[in-house]
Amino acid sequence: MTPRAARGLMSEAARRGWHVAGHPAALLADGRVPSAAVAGHVGTPSVAEAAALVDGDTLLVGKTVHGRVTVAVAP
């Protein structure tokens, strides 16, 4: 993601009251929803689900892909 895109994402998230956090790949590598395809592309077997589950244990919305955007949501 470019710095400009990151600023736009953070600005829009703040406007909507959404929390956005980043996590190091080493933390995401322990994800409970591994994918060999994801590991091949980004070097860690889980990203969206693992990031959503860093501070929780339940996904409200599992991995959802829309175009080039992938999200997972946890409370």
N, C-alpha and C. Protein backbone atom coordinates (compact mmCIF):
# COMPACT_ATOMS: atom_id res chain seq x y z
N MET A 1 0.85 -1.16 0.00
CA MET A 1 0.00 0.00 0.00
C MET A 1 0.90 1.23 0.00
N THR A 2 0.55 2.17 -0.82
CA THR A 2 1.34 3.40 -0.87
C THR A 2 1.04 4.26 0.36
N PRO A 3 1.96 5.15 0.72
CA PRO A 3 1.70 6.04 1.86
C PRO A 3 0.42 6.87 1.66
N ARG A 4 0.18 7.30 0.44
CA ARG A 4 -1.04 8.09 0.15
C ARG A 4 -2.29 7.24 0.39
N ALA A 5 -2.27 6.00 -0.08
CA ALA A 5 -3.42 5.11 0.12
C ALA A 5 -3.62 4.82 1.60
N ALA A 6 -2.53 4.62 2.33
CA ALA A 6 -2.63 4.35 3.77
C ALA A 6 -3.25 5.55 4.49
N ARG A 7 -2.83 6.76 4.13
CA ARG A 7 -3.42 7.95 4.75
C ARG A 7 -4.91 8.04 4.44
N GLY A 8 -5.30 7.72 3.21
CA GLY A 8 -6.72 7.75 2.83
C GLY A 8 -7.52 6.71 3.61
N LEU A 9 -6.97 5.51 3.74
CA LEU A 9 -7.64 4.45 4.49
C LEU A 9 -7.82 4.86 5.95
N MET A 10 -6.77 5.37 6.57
CA MET A 10 -6.84 5.75 7.97
C MET A 10 -7.80 6.92 8.18
N SER A 11 -7.81 7.86 7.25
CA SER A 11 -8.71 9.00 7.35
C SER A 11 -10.17 8.55 7.26
N GLU A 12 -10.47 7.70 6.31
CA GLU A 12 -11.84 7.21 6.13
C GLU A 12 -12.27 6.35 7.32
N ALA A 13 -11.38 5.51 7.81
CA ALA A 13 -11.70 4.69 8.98
C ALA A 13 -12.01 5.58 10.19
N ALA A 14 -11.20 6.60 10.40
CA ALA A 14 -11.43 7.52 11.52
C ALA A 14 -12.78 8.23 11.36
N ARG A 15 -13.09 8.65 10.16
CA ARG A 15 -14.36 9.34 9.90
C ARG A 15 -15.55 8.44 10.26
N ARG A 16 -15.39 7.15 10.02
CA ARG A 16 -16.47 6.19 10.29
C ARG A 16 -16.41 5.60 11.70
N GLY A 17 -15.37 5.94 12.45
CA GLY A 17 -15.24 5.41 13.81
C GLY A 17 -14.74 3.97 13.84
N TRP A 18 -14.04 3.54 12.79
CA TRP A 18 -13.53 2.18 12.72
C TRP A 18 -12.10 2.13 13.26
N HIS A 19 -11.77 1.05 13.96
CA HIS A 19 -10.42 0.82 14.46
C HIS A 19 -9.64 0.06 13.39
N VAL A 20 -8.48 0.56 13.04
CA VAL A 20 -7.60 -0.12 12.08
C VAL A 20 -6.25 -0.33 12.77
N ALA A 21 -5.74 -1.55 12.72
CA ALA A 21 -4.46 -1.85 13.36
C ALA A 21 -3.61 -2.69 12.42
N GLY A 22 -2.31 -2.57 12.56
CA GLY A 22 -1.39 -3.40 11.81
C GLY A 22 -0.66 -4.32 12.77
N HIS A 23 -0.23 -5.47 12.28
CA HIS A 23 0.47 -6.44 13.12
C HIS A 23 1.64 -7.03 12.34
N PRO A 24 2.74 -7.34 13.02
CA PRO A 24 3.90 -7.92 12.33
C PRO A 24 3.60 -9.33 11.81
N ALA A 25 4.24 -9.68 10.73
CA ALA A 25 4.02 -10.99 10.10
C ALA A 25 4.27 -12.14 11.08
N ALA A 26 5.25 -11.99 11.97
CA ALA A 26 5.55 -13.07 12.93
C ALA A 26 4.34 -13.36 13.82
N LEU A 27 3.60 -12.33 14.19
CA LEU A 27 2.41 -12.53 15.02
C LEU A 27 1.31 -13.21 14.20
N LEU A 28 1.19 -12.84 12.94
CA LEU A 28 0.16 -13.42 12.09
C LEU A 28 0.46 -14.86 11.70
N ALA A 29 1.71 -15.25 11.75
CA ALA A 29 2.11 -16.61 11.37
C ALA A 29 1.50 -17.67 12.27
N ASP A 30 1.09 -17.27 13.47
CA ASP A 30 0.46 -18.21 14.38
C ASP A 30 -1.05 -18.31 14.17
N GLY A 31 -1.53 -17.78 13.06
CA GLY A 31 -2.97 -17.74 12.79
C GLY A 31 -3.62 -19.12 12.79
N ARG A 32 -4.88 -19.16 13.19
CA ARG A 32 -5.62 -20.42 13.27
C ARG A 32 -6.31 -20.77 11.96
N VAL A 33 -6.19 -19.93 10.96
CA VAL A 33 -6.85 -20.18 9.68
C VAL A 33 -5.78 -20.09 8.58
N PRO A 34 -4.89 -21.08 8.49
CA PRO A 34 -3.77 -21.00 7.55
C PRO A 34 -4.19 -21.26 6.10
N SER A 35 -3.43 -20.66 5.19
CA SER A 35 -3.65 -20.86 3.76
C SER A 35 -2.30 -20.91 3.06
N ALA A 36 -2.05 -22.00 2.36
CA ALA A 36 -0.79 -22.13 1.62
C ALA A 36 -0.69 -21.06 0.54
N ALA A 37 -1.81 -20.73 -0.08
CA ALA A 37 -1.81 -19.70 -1.14
C ALA A 37 -1.39 -18.34 -0.56
N VAL A 38 -1.94 -17.99 0.60
CA VAL A 38 -1.59 -16.72 1.24
C VAL A 38 -0.12 -16.73 1.61
N ALA A 39 0.36 -17.82 2.18
CA ALA A 39 1.77 -17.93 2.57
C ALA A 39 2.68 -17.72 1.37
N GLY A 40 2.28 -18.27 0.22
CA GLY A 40 3.08 -18.12 -0.98
C GLY A 40 3.15 -16.69 -1.48
N HIS A 41 2.10 -15.92 -1.24
CA HIS A 41 2.05 -14.53 -1.72
C HIS A 41 2.68 -13.54 -0.76
N VAL A 42 2.45 -13.71 0.54
CA VAL A 42 2.88 -12.69 1.49
C VAL A 42 3.85 -13.19 2.55
N GLY A 43 4.15 -14.48 2.57
CA GLY A 43 5.15 -15.00 3.50
C GLY A 43 4.64 -15.37 4.87
N THR A 44 3.36 -15.29 5.09
CA THR A 44 2.75 -15.73 6.35
C THR A 44 1.45 -16.44 5.99
N PRO A 45 1.10 -17.53 6.67
CA PRO A 45 -0.02 -18.35 6.23
C PRO A 45 -1.41 -17.78 6.50
N SER A 46 -1.49 -16.67 7.20
CA SER A 46 -2.79 -16.06 7.45
C SER A 46 -2.59 -14.57 7.65
N VAL A 47 -3.50 -13.78 7.12
CA VAL A 47 -3.40 -12.33 7.30
C VAL A 47 -4.71 -11.79 7.86
N ALA A 48 -5.76 -11.79 7.06
CA ALA A 48 -7.02 -11.17 7.49
C ALA A 48 -7.56 -11.79 8.77
N GLU A 49 -7.73 -13.11 8.76
CA GLU A 49 -8.30 -13.77 9.94
C GLU A 49 -7.36 -13.67 11.14
N ALA A 50 -6.07 -13.91 10.91
CA ALA A 50 -5.11 -13.86 12.02
C ALA A 50 -5.06 -12.47 12.64
N ALA A 51 -5.10 -11.43 11.82
CA ALA A 51 -5.07 -10.07 12.34
C ALA A 51 -6.34 -9.77 13.14
N ALA A 52 -7.48 -10.22 12.63
CA ALA A 52 -8.74 -9.98 13.34
C ALA A 52 -8.77 -10.71 14.68
N LEU A 53 -8.09 -11.84 14.76
CA LEU A 53 -8.13 -12.65 15.98
C LEU A 53 -7.00 -12.36 16.96
N VAL A 54 -6.14 -11.39 16.67
CA VAL A 54 -5.03 -11.08 17.57
C VAL A 54 -5.53 -10.80 18.98
N ASP A 55 -6.59 -10.03 19.12
CA ASP A 55 -7.10 -9.66 20.43
C ASP A 55 -8.42 -10.33 20.78
N GLY A 56 -8.81 -11.35 20.04
CA GLY A 56 -10.08 -12.00 20.32
C GLY A 56 -10.05 -13.45 19.89
N ASP A 57 -11.19 -14.11 20.04
CA ASP A 57 -11.22 -15.52 19.67
C ASP A 57 -12.39 -15.89 18.77
N THR A 58 -13.14 -14.88 18.32
CA THR A 58 -14.31 -15.16 17.49
C THR A 58 -14.33 -14.22 16.30
N LEU A 59 -14.54 -14.77 15.12
CA LEU A 59 -14.73 -13.94 13.94
C LEU A 59 -16.20 -13.60 13.79
N LEU A 60 -16.52 -12.34 13.64
CA LEU A 60 -17.89 -11.93 13.31
C LEU A 60 -18.13 -12.12 11.83
N VAL A 61 -17.10 -11.80 11.04
CA VAL A 61 -17.15 -11.97 9.59
C VAL A 61 -15.85 -12.64 9.19
N GLY A 62 -15.95 -13.81 8.58
CA GLY A 62 -14.76 -14.50 8.09
C GLY A 62 -14.15 -13.77 6.92
N LYS A 63 -13.03 -14.27 6.43
CA LYS A 63 -12.34 -13.64 5.33
C LYS A 63 -13.30 -13.35 4.19
N THR A 64 -13.35 -12.09 3.79
CA THR A 64 -14.21 -11.64 2.71
C THR A 64 -13.34 -10.88 1.72
N VAL A 65 -13.44 -11.24 0.46
CA VAL A 65 -12.63 -10.61 -0.58
C VAL A 65 -13.54 -9.82 -1.51
N HIS A 66 -13.16 -8.58 -1.75
CA HIS A 66 -13.86 -7.73 -2.71
C HIS A 66 -12.81 -7.03 -3.54
N GLY A 67 -12.65 -7.50 -4.77
CA GLY A 67 -11.59 -6.94 -5.61
C GLY A 67 -10.23 -7.23 -5.01
N ARG A 68 -9.46 -6.17 -4.75
CA ARG A 68 -8.13 -6.32 -4.18
C ARG A 68 -8.10 -6.13 -2.67
N VAL A 69 -9.27 -6.07 -2.05
CA VAL A 69 -9.37 -5.86 -0.61
C VAL A 69 -9.86 -7.12 0.07
N THR A 70 -9.18 -7.53 1.13
CA THR A 70 -9.58 -8.70 1.92
C THR A 70 -9.70 -8.26 3.37
N VAL A 71 -10.83 -8.62 3.99
CA VAL A 71 -11.04 -8.26 5.39
C VAL A 71 -11.60 -9.43 6.16
N ALA A 72 -11.43 -9.40 7.47
CA ALA A 72 -12.10 -10.28 8.42
C ALA A 72 -12.39 -9.39 9.63
N VAL A 73 -13.48 -9.67 10.32
CA VAL A 73 -13.90 -8.79 11.40
C VAL A 73 -14.10 -9.60 12.68
N ALA A 74 -13.56 -9.07 13.78
CA ALA A 74 -13.75 -9.66 15.11
C ALA A 74 -14.18 -8.54 16.05
N PRO A 75 -14.88 -8.91 17.12
CA PRO A 75 -15.31 -7.86 18.07
C PRO A 75 -14.13 -7.27 18.83
